[in-house]
Amino acid sequence: MKGVPVTAVAAYVRSKNAGPFRLTLDILFKSREVYDHVKETSQVTPSLVAQLYRIPPERITNFVFFDPGKAIKITMQRRTSSGSPADSDVYGAQQHAPLLAIQFDLPDHLV
């Protein structure tokens, strides 16, 4: 098993608005085998995402493994509504950065 950065195994790590009060985060994997391993071993959880974003777990409203897209889809409440004076990212497109800290434990044959 190796600590492999998410950027090595994901085709995309992205974020975007899901309405004015929610944000959607996506990790789309390059390979079915890596996606299946990460899913089966519960290496990404709502608890981990809450920890990375320094938010209470209750702010994560959806956490889905989307098999057809080899993707993990996470929806969470935004800190402030999109476009409000306190908002620094109207489109929510720059909010995926904490996910880049994820490292996966993968068997050698998947690296």
PDB file of N, CA and C in Angstrom:
ATOM      1  N   MET A   1       0.843  -1.188   0.000  1.00  0.00           N
ATOM      2  CA  MET A   1       0.000   0.000   0.000  1.00  0.00           C
ATOM      3  C   MET A   1       0.882   1.243   0.000  1.00  0.00           C
ATOM      4  N   LYS A   2       0.463   2.238  -0.744  1.00  0.00           N
ATOM      5  CA  LYS A   2       1.217   3.471  -0.852  1.00  0.00           C
ATOM      6  C   LYS A   2       0.308   4.665  -0.625  1.00  0.00           C
ATOM      7  N   GLY A   3       0.867   5.735  -0.048  1.00  0.00           N
ATOM      8  CA  GLY A   3       0.131   6.993   0.066  1.00  0.00           C
ATOM      9  C   GLY A   3       0.196   7.717  -1.265  1.00  0.00           C
ATOM     10  N   VAL A   4      -0.893   7.690  -2.008  1.00  0.00           N
ATOM     11  CA  VAL A   4      -0.933   8.254  -3.354  1.00  0.00           C
ATOM     12  C   VAL A   4      -1.824   9.494  -3.332  1.00  0.00           C
ATOM     13  N   PRO A   5      -1.298  10.629  -3.808  1.00  0.00           N
ATOM     14  CA  PRO A   5      -2.118  11.846  -3.801  1.00  0.00           C
ATOM     15  C   PRO A   5      -3.320  11.734  -4.730  1.00  0.00           C
ATOM     16  N   VAL A   6      -4.387  12.374  -4.336  1.00  0.00           N
ATOM     17  CA  VAL A   6      -5.612  12.358  -5.134  1.00  0.00           C
ATOM     18  C   VAL A   6      -5.335  12.838  -6.553  1.00  0.00           C
ATOM     19  N   THR A   7      -4.415  13.765  -6.724  1.00  0.00           N
ATOM     20  CA  THR A   7      -4.116  14.295  -8.057  1.00  0.00           C
ATOM     21  C   THR A   7      -3.497  13.252  -8.985  1.00  0.00           C
ATOM     22  N   ALA A   8      -2.935  12.198  -8.431  1.00  0.00           N
ATOM     23  CA  ALA A   8      -2.339  11.145  -9.258  1.00  0.00           C
ATOM     24  C   ALA A   8      -3.373  10.166  -9.803  1.00  0.00           C
ATOM     25  N   VAL A   9      -4.511  10.066  -9.152  1.00  0.00           N
ATOM     26  CA  VAL A   9      -5.502   9.059  -9.550  1.00  0.00           C
ATOM     27  C   VAL A   9      -6.837   9.652  -9.998  1.00  0.00           C
ATOM     28  N   ALA A  10      -7.002  10.951  -9.839  1.00  0.00           N
ATOM     29  CA  ALA A  10      -8.260  11.598 -10.235  1.00  0.00           C
ATOM     30  C   ALA A  10      -8.072  12.346 -11.547  1.00  0.00           C
ATOM     31  N   ALA A  11      -9.045  12.208 -12.435  1.00  0.00           N
ATOM     32  CA  ALA A  11      -9.038  12.983 -13.672  1.00  0.00           C
ATOM     33  C   ALA A  11      -9.410  14.430 -13.363  1.00  0.00           C
ATOM     34  N   TYR A  12     -10.331  14.610 -12.402  1.00  0.00           N
ATOM     35  CA  TYR A  12     -10.786  15.944 -12.009  1.00  0.00           C
ATOM     36  C   TYR A  12     -11.068  15.964 -10.515  1.00  0.00           C
ATOM     37  N   VAL A  13     -10.718  17.060  -9.894  1.00  0.00           N
ATOM     38  CA  VAL A  13     -11.167  17.393  -8.544  1.00  0.00           C
ATOM     39  C   VAL A  13     -11.716  18.805  -8.700  1.00  0.00           C
ATOM     40  N   ARG A  14     -13.013  18.975  -8.479  1.00  0.00           N
ATOM     41  CA  ARG A  14     -13.620  20.267  -8.792  1.00  0.00           C
ATOM     42  C   ARG A  14     -14.715  20.628  -7.806  1.00  0.00           C
ATOM     43  N   SER A  15     -15.128  21.879  -7.887  1.00  0.00           N
ATOM     44  CA  SER A  15     -16.240  22.357  -7.072  1.00  0.00           C
ATOM     45  C   SER A  15     -17.063  23.328  -7.898  1.00  0.00           C
ATOM     46  N   LYS A  16     -18.323  23.465  -7.517  1.00  0.00           N
ATOM     47  CA  LYS A  16     -19.209  24.420  -8.186  1.00  0.00           C
ATOM     48  C   LYS A  16     -20.429  24.637  -7.301  1.00  0.00           C
ATOM     49  N   ASN A  17     -21.141  25.700  -7.595  1.00  0.00           N
ATOM     50  CA  ASN A  17     -22.360  25.973  -6.851  1.00  0.00           C
ATOM     51  C   ASN A  17     -23.408  24.905  -7.126  1.00  0.00           C
ATOM     52  N   ALA A  18     -24.197  24.659  -6.109  1.00  0.00           N
ATOM     53  CA  ALA A  18     -25.389  23.823  -6.243  1.00  0.00           C
ATOM     54  C   ALA A  18     -26.541  24.663  -5.711  1.00  0.00           C
ATOM     55  N   GLY A  19     -26.745  25.810  -6.333  1.00  0.00           N
ATOM     56  CA  GLY A  19     -27.676  26.806  -5.846  1.00  0.00           C
ATOM     57  C   GLY A  19     -26.917  27.829  -5.014  1.00  0.00           C
ATOM     58  N   PRO A  20     -27.595  28.849  -4.522  1.00  0.00           N
ATOM     59  CA  PRO A  20     -26.897  29.923  -3.808  1.00  0.00           C
ATOM     60  C   PRO A  20     -26.412  29.546  -2.408  1.00  0.00           C
ATOM     61  N   PHE A  21     -26.904  28.461  -1.851  1.00  0.00           N
ATOM     62  CA  PHE A  21     -26.570  28.118  -0.472  1.00  0.00           C
ATOM     63  C   PHE A  21     -25.805  26.808  -0.312  1.00  0.00           C
ATOM     64  N   ARG A  22     -25.517  26.141  -1.415  1.00  0.00           N
ATOM     65  CA  ARG A  22     -24.823  24.852  -1.358  1.00  0.00           C
ATOM     66  C   ARG A  22     -23.682  24.820  -2.373  1.00  0.00           C
ATOM     67  N   LEU A  23     -22.747  23.943  -2.082  1.00  0.00           N
ATOM     68  CA  LEU A  23     -21.569  23.751  -2.911  1.00  0.00           C
ATOM     69  C   LEU A  23     -21.446  22.265  -3.199  1.00  0.00           C
ATOM     70  N   THR A  24     -21.122  21.910  -4.441  1.00  0.00           N
ATOM     71  CA  THR A  24     -20.897  20.521  -4.805  1.00  0.00           C
ATOM     72  C   THR A  24     -19.418  20.306  -5.074  1.00  0.00           C
ATOM     73  N   LEU A  25     -18.876  19.254  -4.492  1.00  0.00           N
ATOM     74  CA  LEU A  25     -17.480  18.868  -4.678  1.00  0.00           C
ATOM     75  C   LEU A  25     -17.472  17.533  -5.395  1.00  0.00           C
ATOM     76  N   ASP A  26     -16.575  17.374  -6.354  1.00  0.00           N
ATOM     77  CA  ASP A  26     -16.494  16.131  -7.122  1.00  0.00           C
ATOM     78  C   ASP A  26     -15.059  15.641  -7.189  1.00  0.00           C
ATOM     79  N   ILE A  27     -14.894  14.343  -7.010  1.00  0.00           N
ATOM     80  CA  ILE A  27     -13.633  13.666  -7.311  1.00  0.00           C
ATOM     81  C   ILE A  27     -13.978  12.620  -8.359  1.00  0.00           C
ATOM     82  N   LEU A  28     -13.458  12.793  -9.571  1.00  0.00           N
ATOM     83  CA  LEU A  28     -13.716  11.862 -10.673  1.00  0.00           C
ATOM     84  C   LEU A  28     -12.433  11.091 -10.951  1.00  0.00           C
ATOM     85  N   PHE A  29     -12.489   9.793 -10.782  1.00  0.00           N
ATOM     86  CA  PHE A  29     -11.311   8.935 -10.880  1.00  0.00           C
ATOM     87  C   PHE A  29     -11.006   8.551 -12.316  1.00  0.00           C
ATOM     88  N   LYS A  30      -9.725   8.354 -12.597  1.00  0.00           N
ATOM     89  CA  LYS A  30      -9.275   7.930 -13.919  1.00  0.00           C
ATOM     90  C   LYS A  30      -9.607   6.466 -14.179  1.00  0.00           C
ATOM     91  N   SER A  31      -9.509   5.639 -13.137  1.00  0.00           N
ATOM     92  CA  SER A  31      -9.668   4.205 -13.349  1.00  0.00           C
ATOM     93  C   SER A  31     -10.771   3.625 -12.472  1.00  0.00           C
ATOM     94  N   ARG A  32     -11.465   2.678 -13.049  1.00  0.00           N
ATOM     95  CA  ARG A  32     -12.526   1.959 -12.320  1.00  0.00           C
ATOM     96  C   ARG A  32     -11.936   1.213 -11.129  1.00  0.00           C
ATOM     97  N   GLU A  33     -10.772   0.617 -11.309  1.00  0.00           N
ATOM     98  CA  GLU A  33     -10.156  -0.184 -10.249  1.00  0.00           C
ATOM     99  C   GLU A  33      -9.810   0.673  -9.023  1.00  0.00           C
ATOM    100  N   VAL A  34      -9.231   1.838  -9.251  1.00  0.00           N
ATOM    101  CA  VAL A  34      -8.890   2.721  -8.124  1.00  0.00           C
ATOM    102  C   VAL A  34     -10.166   3.227  -7.463  1.00  0.00           C
ATOM    103  N   TYR A  35     -11.137   3.654  -8.262  1.00  0.00           N
ATOM    104  CA  TYR A  35     -12.423   4.114  -7.713  1.00  0.00           C
ATOM    105  C   TYR A  35     -13.052   3.026  -6.842  1.00  0.00           C
ATOM    106  N   ASP A  36     -13.123   1.806  -7.377  1.00  0.00           N
ATOM    107  CA  ASP A  36     -13.736   0.717  -6.615  1.00  0.00           C
ATOM    108  C   ASP A  36     -12.986   0.452  -5.314  1.00  0.00           C
ATOM    109  N   HIS A  37     -11.657   0.488  -5.361  1.00  0.00           N
ATOM    110  CA  HIS A  37     -10.864   0.243  -4.149  1.00  0.00           C
ATOM    111  C   HIS A  37     -11.114   1.334  -3.110  1.00  0.00           C
ATOM    112  N   VAL A  38     -11.104   2.578  -3.528  1.00  0.00           N
ATOM    113  CA  VAL A  38     -11.340   3.693  -2.602  1.00  0.00           C
ATOM    114  C   VAL A  38     -12.735   3.576  -1.985  1.00  0.00           C
ATOM    115  N   LYS A  39     -13.711   3.221  -2.808  1.00  0.00           N
ATOM    116  CA  LYS A  39     -15.083   3.054  -2.314  1.00  0.00           C
ATOM    117  C   LYS A  39     -15.171   1.890  -1.325  1.00  0.00           C
ATOM    118  N   GLU A  40     -14.626   0.750  -1.696  1.00  0.00           N
ATOM    119  CA  GLU A  40     -14.722  -0.447  -0.855  1.00  0.00           C
ATOM    120  C   GLU A  40     -13.988  -0.304   0.470  1.00  0.00           C
ATOM    121  N   THR A  41     -12.943   0.505   0.500  1.00  0.00           N
ATOM    122  CA  THR A  41     -12.145   0.662   1.723  1.00  0.00           C
ATOM    123  C   THR A  41     -12.509   1.924   2.506  1.00  0.00           C
ATOM    124  N   SER A  42     -13.552   2.624   2.076  1.00  0.00           N
ATOM    125  CA  SER A  42     -14.064   3.816   2.780  1.00  0.00           C
ATOM    126  C   SER A  42     -12.973   4.834   3.093  1.00  0.00           C
ATOM    127  N   GLN A  43     -12.147   5.134   2.091  1.00  0.00           N
ATOM    128  CA  GLN A  43     -11.056   6.075   2.309  1.00  0.00           C
ATOM    129  C   GLN A  43     -11.489   7.531   2.250  1.00  0.00           C
ATOM    130  N   VAL A  44     -12.643   7.799   1.654  1.00  0.00           N
ATOM    131  CA  VAL A  44     -13.220   9.141   1.676  1.00  0.00           C
ATOM    132  C   VAL A  44     -14.582   9.009   2.344  1.00  0.00           C
ATOM    133  N   THR A  45     -14.789   9.791   3.377  1.00  0.00           N
ATOM    134  CA  THR A  45     -16.026   9.739   4.157  1.00  0.00           C
ATOM    135  C   THR A  45     -16.508  11.163   4.420  1.00  0.00           C
ATOM    136  N   PRO A  46     -17.775  11.317   4.779  1.00  0.00           N
ATOM    137  CA  PRO A  46     -18.237  12.651   5.168  1.00  0.00           C
ATOM    138  C   PRO A  46     -17.421  13.230   6.323  1.00  0.00           C
ATOM    139  N   SER A  47     -17.011  12.375   7.236  1.00  0.00           N
ATOM    140  CA  SER A  47     -16.202  12.830   8.368  1.00  0.00           C
ATOM    141  C   SER A  47     -14.865  13.405   7.906  1.00  0.00           C
ATOM    142  N   LEU A  48     -14.206  12.735   6.964  1.00  0.00           N
ATOM    143  CA  LEU A  48     -12.942  13.232   6.432  1.00  0.00           C
ATOM    144  C   LEU A  48     -13.142  14.580   5.750  1.00  0.00           C
ATOM    145  N   VAL A  49     -14.186  14.695   4.941  1.00  0.00           N
ATOM    146  CA  VAL A  49     -14.447  15.948   4.233  1.00  0.00           C
ATOM    147  C   VAL A  49     -14.718  17.075   5.238  1.00  0.00           C
ATOM    148  N   ALA A  50     -15.505  16.802   6.255  1.00  0.00           N
ATOM    149  CA  ALA A  50     -15.774  17.811   7.287  1.00  0.00           C
ATOM    150  C   ALA A  50     -14.476  18.248   7.964  1.00  0.00           C
ATOM    151  N   GLN A  51     -13.612  17.301   8.228  1.00  0.00           N
ATOM    152  CA  GLN A  51     -12.327  17.615   8.848  1.00  0.00           C
ATOM    153  C   GLN A  51     -11.478  18.486   7.915  1.00  0.00           C
ATOM    154  N   LEU A  52     -11.403  18.140   6.638  1.00  0.00           N
ATOM    155  CA  LEU A  52     -10.612  18.913   5.683  1.00  0.00           C
ATOM    156  C   LEU A  52     -11.118  20.348   5.539  1.00  0.00           C
ATOM    157  N   TYR A  53     -12.433  20.507   5.599  1.00  0.00           N
ATOM    158  CA  TYR A  53     -13.033  21.836   5.432  1.00  0.00           C
ATOM    159  C   TYR A  53     -13.239  22.568   6.759  1.00  0.00           C
ATOM    160  N   ARG A  54     -12.899  21.883   7.858  1.00  0.00           N
ATOM    161  CA  ARG A  54     -13.041  22.466   9.199  1.00  0.00           C
ATOM    162  C   ARG A  54     -14.465  22.957   9.437  1.00  0.00           C
ATOM    163  N   ILE A  55     -15.395  22.045   9.158  1.00  0.00           N
ATOM    164  CA  ILE A  55     -16.815  22.338   9.346  1.00  0.00           C
ATOM    165  C   ILE A  55     -17.449  21.213  10.149  1.00  0.00           C
ATOM    166  N   PRO A  56     -18.592  21.485  10.778  1.00  0.00           N
ATOM    167  CA  PRO A  56     -19.310  20.394  11.434  1.00  0.00           C
ATOM    168  C   PRO A  56     -19.849  19.414  10.383  1.00  0.00           C
ATOM    169  N   PRO A  57     -19.827  18.118  10.679  1.00  0.00           N
ATOM    170  CA  PRO A  57     -20.314  17.120   9.714  1.00  0.00           C
ATOM    171  C   PRO A  57     -21.745  17.367   9.242  1.00  0.00           C
ATOM    172  N   GLU A  58     -22.551  18.030  10.054  1.00  0.00           N
ATOM    173  CA  GLU A  58     -23.945  18.294   9.668  1.00  0.00           C
ATOM    174  C   GLU A  58     -24.056  19.200   8.441  1.00  0.00           C
ATOM    175  N   ARG A  59     -23.007  19.939   8.131  1.00  0.00           N
ATOM    176  CA  ARG A  59     -23.048  20.832   6.964  1.00  0.00           C
ATOM    177  C   ARG A  59     -22.908  20.058   5.661  1.00  0.00           C
ATOM    178  N   ILE A  60     -22.515  18.794   5.743  1.00  0.00           N
ATOM    179  CA  ILE A  60     -22.461  17.958   4.539  1.00  0.00           C
ATOM    180  C   ILE A  60     -23.843  17.349   4.358  1.00  0.00           C
ATOM    181  N   THR A  61     -24.504  17.735   3.284  1.00  0.00           N
ATOM    182  CA  THR A  61     -25.899  17.339   3.098  1.00  0.00           C
ATOM    183  C   THR A  61     -26.065  16.111   2.205  1.00  0.00           C
ATOM    184  N   ASN A  62     -25.077  15.842   1.345  1.00  0.00           N
ATOM    185  CA  ASN A  62     -25.113  14.653   0.494  1.00  0.00           C
ATOM    186  C   ASN A  62     -23.695  14.135   0.307  1.00  0.00           C
ATOM    187  N   PHE A  63     -23.572  12.820   0.298  1.00  0.00           N
ATOM    188  CA  PHE A  63     -22.288  12.162   0.041  1.00  0.00           C
ATOM    189  C   PHE A  63     -22.619  10.911  -0.752  1.00  0.00           C
ATOM    190  N   VAL A  64     -22.200  10.878  -2.021  1.00  0.00           N
ATOM    191  CA  VAL A  64     -22.624   9.814  -2.923  1.00  0.00           C
ATOM    192  C   VAL A  64     -21.442   9.260  -3.706  1.00  0.00           C
ATOM    193  N   PHE A  65     -21.353   7.934  -3.763  1.00  0.00           N
ATOM    194  CA  PHE A  65     -20.459   7.279  -4.706  1.00  0.00           C
ATOM    195  C   PHE A  65     -21.282   7.074  -5.973  1.00  0.00           C
ATOM    196  N   PHE A  66     -20.879   7.729  -7.054  1.00  0.00           N
ATOM    197  CA  PHE A  66     -21.613   7.673  -8.319  1.00  0.00           C
ATOM    198  C   PHE A  66     -20.880   6.732  -9.264  1.00  0.00           C
ATOM    199  N   ASP A  67     -21.285   5.467  -9.233  1.00  0.00           N
ATOM    200  CA  ASP A  67     -20.587   4.410  -9.963  1.00  0.00           C
ATOM    201  C   ASP A  67     -20.477   4.664 -11.475  1.00  0.00           C
ATOM    202  N   PRO A  68     -21.557   5.113 -12.155  1.00  0.00           N
ATOM    203  CA  PRO A  68     -21.417   5.301 -13.612  1.00  0.00           C
ATOM    204  C   PRO A  68     -20.319   6.302 -13.994  1.00  0.00           C
ATOM    205  N   GLY A  69     -20.059   7.282 -13.133  1.00  0.00           N
ATOM    206  CA  GLY A  69     -19.042   8.286 -13.434  1.00  0.00           C
ATOM    207  C   GLY A  69     -17.725   8.073 -12.719  1.00  0.00           C
ATOM    208  N   LYS A  70     -17.594   6.961 -11.980  1.00  0.00           N
ATOM    209  CA  LYS A  70     -16.393   6.707 -11.163  1.00  0.00           C
ATOM    210  C   LYS A  70     -16.098   7.940 -10.302  1.00  0.00           C
ATOM    211  N   ALA A  71     -17.117   8.428  -9.618  1.00  0.00           N
ATOM    212  CA  ALA A  71     -16.995   9.710  -8.929  1.00  0.00           C
ATOM    213  C   ALA A  71     -17.542   9.666  -7.507  1.00  0.00           C
ATOM    214  N   ILE A  72     -16.949  10.508  -6.686  1.00  0.00           N
ATOM    215  CA  ILE A  72     -17.494  10.800  -5.364  1.00  0.00           C
ATOM    216  C   ILE A  72     -18.069  12.203  -5.464  1.00  0.00           C
ATOM    217  N   LYS A  73     -19.334  12.354  -5.102  1.00  0.00           N
ATOM    218  CA  LYS A  73     -20.011  13.642  -5.180  1.00  0.00           C
ATOM    219  C   LYS A  73     -20.447  14.034  -3.771  1.00  0.00           C
ATOM    220  N   ILE A  74     -20.067  15.225  -3.379  1.00  0.00           N
ATOM    221  CA  ILE A  74     -20.330  15.713  -2.028  1.00  0.00           C
ATOM    222  C   ILE A  74     -21.029  17.058  -2.148  1.00  0.00           C
ATOM    223  N   THR A  75     -22.103  17.243  -1.413  1.00  0.00           N
ATOM    224  CA  THR A  75     -22.772  18.541  -1.364  1.00  0.00           C
ATOM    225  C   THR A  75     -22.741  19.027   0.075  1.00  0.00           C
ATOM    226  N   MET A  76     -22.387  20.302   0.233  1.00  0.00           N
ATOM    227  CA  MET A  76     -22.323  20.881   1.570  1.00  0.00           C
ATOM    228  C   MET A  76     -22.892  22.285   1.543  1.00  0.00           C
ATOM    229  N   GLN A  77     -23.298  22.737   2.707  1.00  0.00           N
ATOM    230  CA  GLN A  77     -23.797  24.100   2.840  1.00  0.00           C
ATOM    231  C   GLN A  77     -22.626  25.071   2.717  1.00  0.00           C
ATOM    232  N   ARG A  78     -22.850  26.135   1.984  1.00  0.00           N
ATOM    233  CA  ARG A  78     -21.822  27.181   1.851  1.00  0.00           C
ATOM    234  C   ARG A  78     -21.728  27.969   3.153  1.00  0.00           C
ATOM    235  N   ARG A  79     -20.558  28.557   3.395  1.00  0.00           N
ATOM    236  CA  ARG A  79     -20.370  29.401   4.581  1.00  0.00           C
ATOM    237  C   ARG A  79     -21.237  30.652   4.493  1.00  0.00           C
ATOM    238  N   THR A  80     -21.378  31.164   3.284  1.00  0.00           N
ATOM    239  CA  THR A  80     -22.210  32.334   3.034  1.00  0.00           C
ATOM    240  C   THR A  80     -22.847  32.146   1.666  1.00  0.00           C
ATOM    241  N   SER A  81     -23.952  32.797   1.410  1.00  0.00           N
ATOM    242  CA  SER A  81     -24.624  32.579   0.129  1.00  0.00           C
ATOM    243  C   SER A  81     -23.813  33.166  -1.024  1.00  0.00           C
ATOM    244  N   SER A  82     -23.940  32.551  -2.162  1.00  0.00           N
ATOM    245  CA  SER A  82     -23.244  32.999  -3.358  1.00  0.00           C
ATOM    246  C   SER A  82     -23.654  34.427  -3.690  1.00  0.00           C
ATOM    247  N   GLY A  83     -22.656  35.284  -3.899  1.00  0.00           N
ATOM    248  CA  GLY A  83     -22.930  36.663  -4.273  1.00  0.00           C
ATOM    249  C   GLY A  83     -23.150  37.614  -3.109  1.00  0.00           C
ATOM    250  N   SER A  84     -23.160  37.106  -1.899  1.00  0.00           N
ATOM    251  CA  SER A  84     -23.326  38.002  -0.754  1.00  0.00           C
ATOM    252  C   SER A  84     -22.038  38.808  -0.559  1.00  0.00           C
ATOM    253  N   PRO A  85     -22.091  39.915   0.164  1.00  0.00           N
ATOM    254  CA  PRO A  85     -20.873  40.718   0.357  1.00  0.00           C
ATOM    255  C   PRO A  85     -19.707  39.934   0.980  1.00  0.00           C
ATOM    256  N   ALA A  86     -19.991  38.919   1.762  1.00  0.00           N
ATOM    257  CA  ALA A  86     -18.927  38.139   2.404  1.00  0.00           C
ATOM    258  C   ALA A  86     -18.396  37.011   1.517  1.00  0.00           C
ATOM    259  N   ASP A  87     -18.999  36.821   0.343  1.00  0.00           N
ATOM    260  CA  ASP A  87     -18.611  35.719  -0.537  1.00  0.00           C
ATOM    261  C   ASP A  87     -17.372  36.084  -1.339  1.00  0.00           C
ATOM    262  N   SER A  88     -16.394  35.173  -1.342  1.00  0.00           N
ATOM    263  CA  SER A  88     -15.162  35.413  -2.094  1.00  0.00           C
ATOM    264  C   SER A  88     -15.087  34.581  -3.372  1.00  0.00           C
ATOM    265  N   ASP A  89     -16.100  33.762  -3.637  1.00  0.00           N
ATOM    266  CA  ASP A  89     -16.090  32.879  -4.811  1.00  0.00           C
ATOM    267  C   ASP A  89     -17.525  32.675  -5.283  1.00  0.00           C
ATOM    268  N   VAL A  90     -18.011  33.596  -6.074  1.00  0.00           N
ATOM    269  CA  VAL A  90     -19.416  33.609  -6.486  1.00  0.00           C
ATOM    270  C   VAL A  90     -19.843  32.293  -7.133  1.00  0.00           C
ATOM    271  N   TYR A  91     -18.965  31.686  -7.929  1.00  0.00           N
ATOM    272  CA  TYR A  91     -19.323  30.468  -8.648  1.00  0.00           C
ATOM    273  C   TYR A  91     -18.988  29.191  -7.888  1.00  0.00           C
ATOM    274  N   GLY A  92     -18.279  29.322  -6.776  1.00  0.00           N
ATOM    275  CA  GLY A  92     -17.899  28.140  -6.007  1.00  0.00           C
ATOM    276  C   GLY A  92     -16.837  27.299  -6.695  1.00  0.00           C
ATOM    277  N   ALA A  93     -16.181  27.845  -7.699  1.00  0.00           N
ATOM    278  CA  ALA A  93     -15.247  27.075  -8.518  1.00  0.00           C
ATOM    279  C   ALA A  93     -13.863  26.901  -7.902  1.00  0.00           C
ATOM    280  N   GLN A  94     -13.587  27.588  -6.813  1.00  0.00           N
ATOM    281  CA  GLN A  94     -12.256  27.502  -6.200  1.00  0.00           C
ATOM    282  C   GLN A  94     -12.292  26.825  -4.824  1.00  0.00           C
ATOM    283  N   GLN A  95     -13.357  26.120  -4.529  1.00  0.00           N
ATOM    284  CA  GLN A  95     -13.532  25.564  -3.193  1.00  0.00           C
ATOM    285  C   GLN A  95     -13.087  24.112  -3.053  1.00  0.00           C
ATOM    286  N   HIS A  96     -12.526  23.539  -4.081  1.00  0.00           N
ATOM    287  CA  HIS A  96     -12.111  22.141  -4.035  1.00  0.00           C
ATOM    288  C   HIS A  96     -10.726  21.934  -3.423  1.00  0.00           C
ATOM    289  N   ALA A  97      -9.979  23.000  -3.189  1.00  0.00           N
ATOM    290  CA  ALA A  97      -8.578  22.885  -2.760  1.00  0.00           C
ATOM    291  C   ALA A  97      -8.361  21.985  -1.540  1.00  0.00           C
ATOM    292  N   PRO A  98      -9.178  22.020  -0.491  1.00  0.00           N
ATOM    293  CA  PRO A  98      -8.921  21.111   0.640  1.00  0.00           C
ATOM    294  C   PRO A  98      -8.926  19.631   0.251  1.00  0.00           C
ATOM    295  N   LEU A  99      -9.664  19.263  -0.786  1.00  0.00           N
ATOM    296  CA  LEU A  99      -9.686  17.862  -1.221  1.00  0.00           C
ATOM    297  C   LEU A  99      -8.328  17.417  -1.765  1.00  0.00           C
ATOM    298  N   LEU A 100      -7.508  18.365  -2.194  1.00  0.00           N
ATOM    299  CA  LEU A 100      -6.205  18.032  -2.778  1.00  0.00           C
ATOM    300  C   LEU A 100      -5.240  17.472  -1.737  1.00  0.00           C
ATOM    301  N   ALA A 101      -5.582  17.567  -0.468  1.00  0.00           N
ATOM    302  CA  ALA A 101      -4.743  17.014   0.604  1.00  0.00           C
ATOM    303  C   ALA A 101      -4.955  15.515   0.796  1.00  0.00           C
ATOM    304  N   ILE A 102      -5.955  14.949   0.151  1.00  0.00           N
ATOM    305  CA  ILE A 102      -6.259  13.528   0.338  1.00  0.00           C
ATOM    306  C   ILE A 102      -5.158  12.667  -0.259  1.00  0.00           C
ATOM    307  N   GLN A 103      -4.762  11.653   0.503  1.00  0.00           N
ATOM    308  CA  GLN A 103      -3.818  10.628   0.043  1.00  0.00           C
ATOM    309  C   GLN A 103      -4.511   9.275   0.197  1.00  0.00           C
ATOM    310  N   PHE A 104      -4.398   8.447  -0.824  1.00  0.00           N
ATOM    311  CA  PHE A 104      -5.026   7.133  -0.787  1.00  0.00           C
ATOM    312  C   PHE A 104      -4.016   6.049  -0.516  1.00  0.00           C
ATOM    313  N   ASP A 105      -4.428   5.057   0.252  1.00  0.00           N
ATOM    314  CA  ASP A 105      -3.643   3.846   0.426  1.00  0.00           C
ATOM    315  C   ASP A 105      -4.094   2.871  -0.651  1.00  0.00           C
ATOM    316  N   LEU A 106      -3.197   2.623  -1.596  1.00  0.00           N
ATOM    317  CA  LEU A 106      -3.521   1.755  -2.713  1.00  0.00           C
ATOM    318  C   LEU A 106      -2.528   0.605  -2.804  1.00  0.00           C
ATOM    319  N   PRO A 107      -3.012  -0.576  -3.195  1.00  0.00           N
ATOM    320  CA  PRO A 107      -2.081  -1.680  -3.428  1.00  0.00           C
ATOM    321  C   PRO A 107      -1.156  -1.330  -4.592  1.00  0.00           C
ATOM    322  N   ASP A 108       0.022  -1.903  -4.587  1.00  0.00           N
ATOM    323  CA  ASP A 108       1.030  -1.606  -5.598  1.00  0.00           C
ATOM    324  C   ASP A 108       0.504  -1.790  -7.026  1.00  0.00           C
ATOM    325  N   HIS A 109      -0.324  -2.779  -7.243  1.00  0.00           N
ATOM    326  CA  HIS A 109      -0.784  -3.028  -8.613  1.00  0.00           C
ATOM    327  C   HIS A 109      -1.728  -1.938  -9.134  1.00  0.00           C
ATOM    328  N   LEU A 110      -2.234  -1.060  -8.253  1.00  0.00           N
ATOM    329  CA  LEU A 110      -3.110   0.025  -8.689  1.00  0.00           C
ATOM    330  C   LEU A 110      -2.380   1.353  -8.872  1.00  0.00           C
ATOM    331  N   VAL A 111      -1.114   1.385  -8.473  1.00  0.00           N
ATOM    332  CA  VAL A 111      -0.356   2.647  -8.544  1.00  0.00           C
ATOM    333  C   VAL A 111       0.293   2.788  -9.903  1.00  0.00           C
TER     334      VAL A 111
END
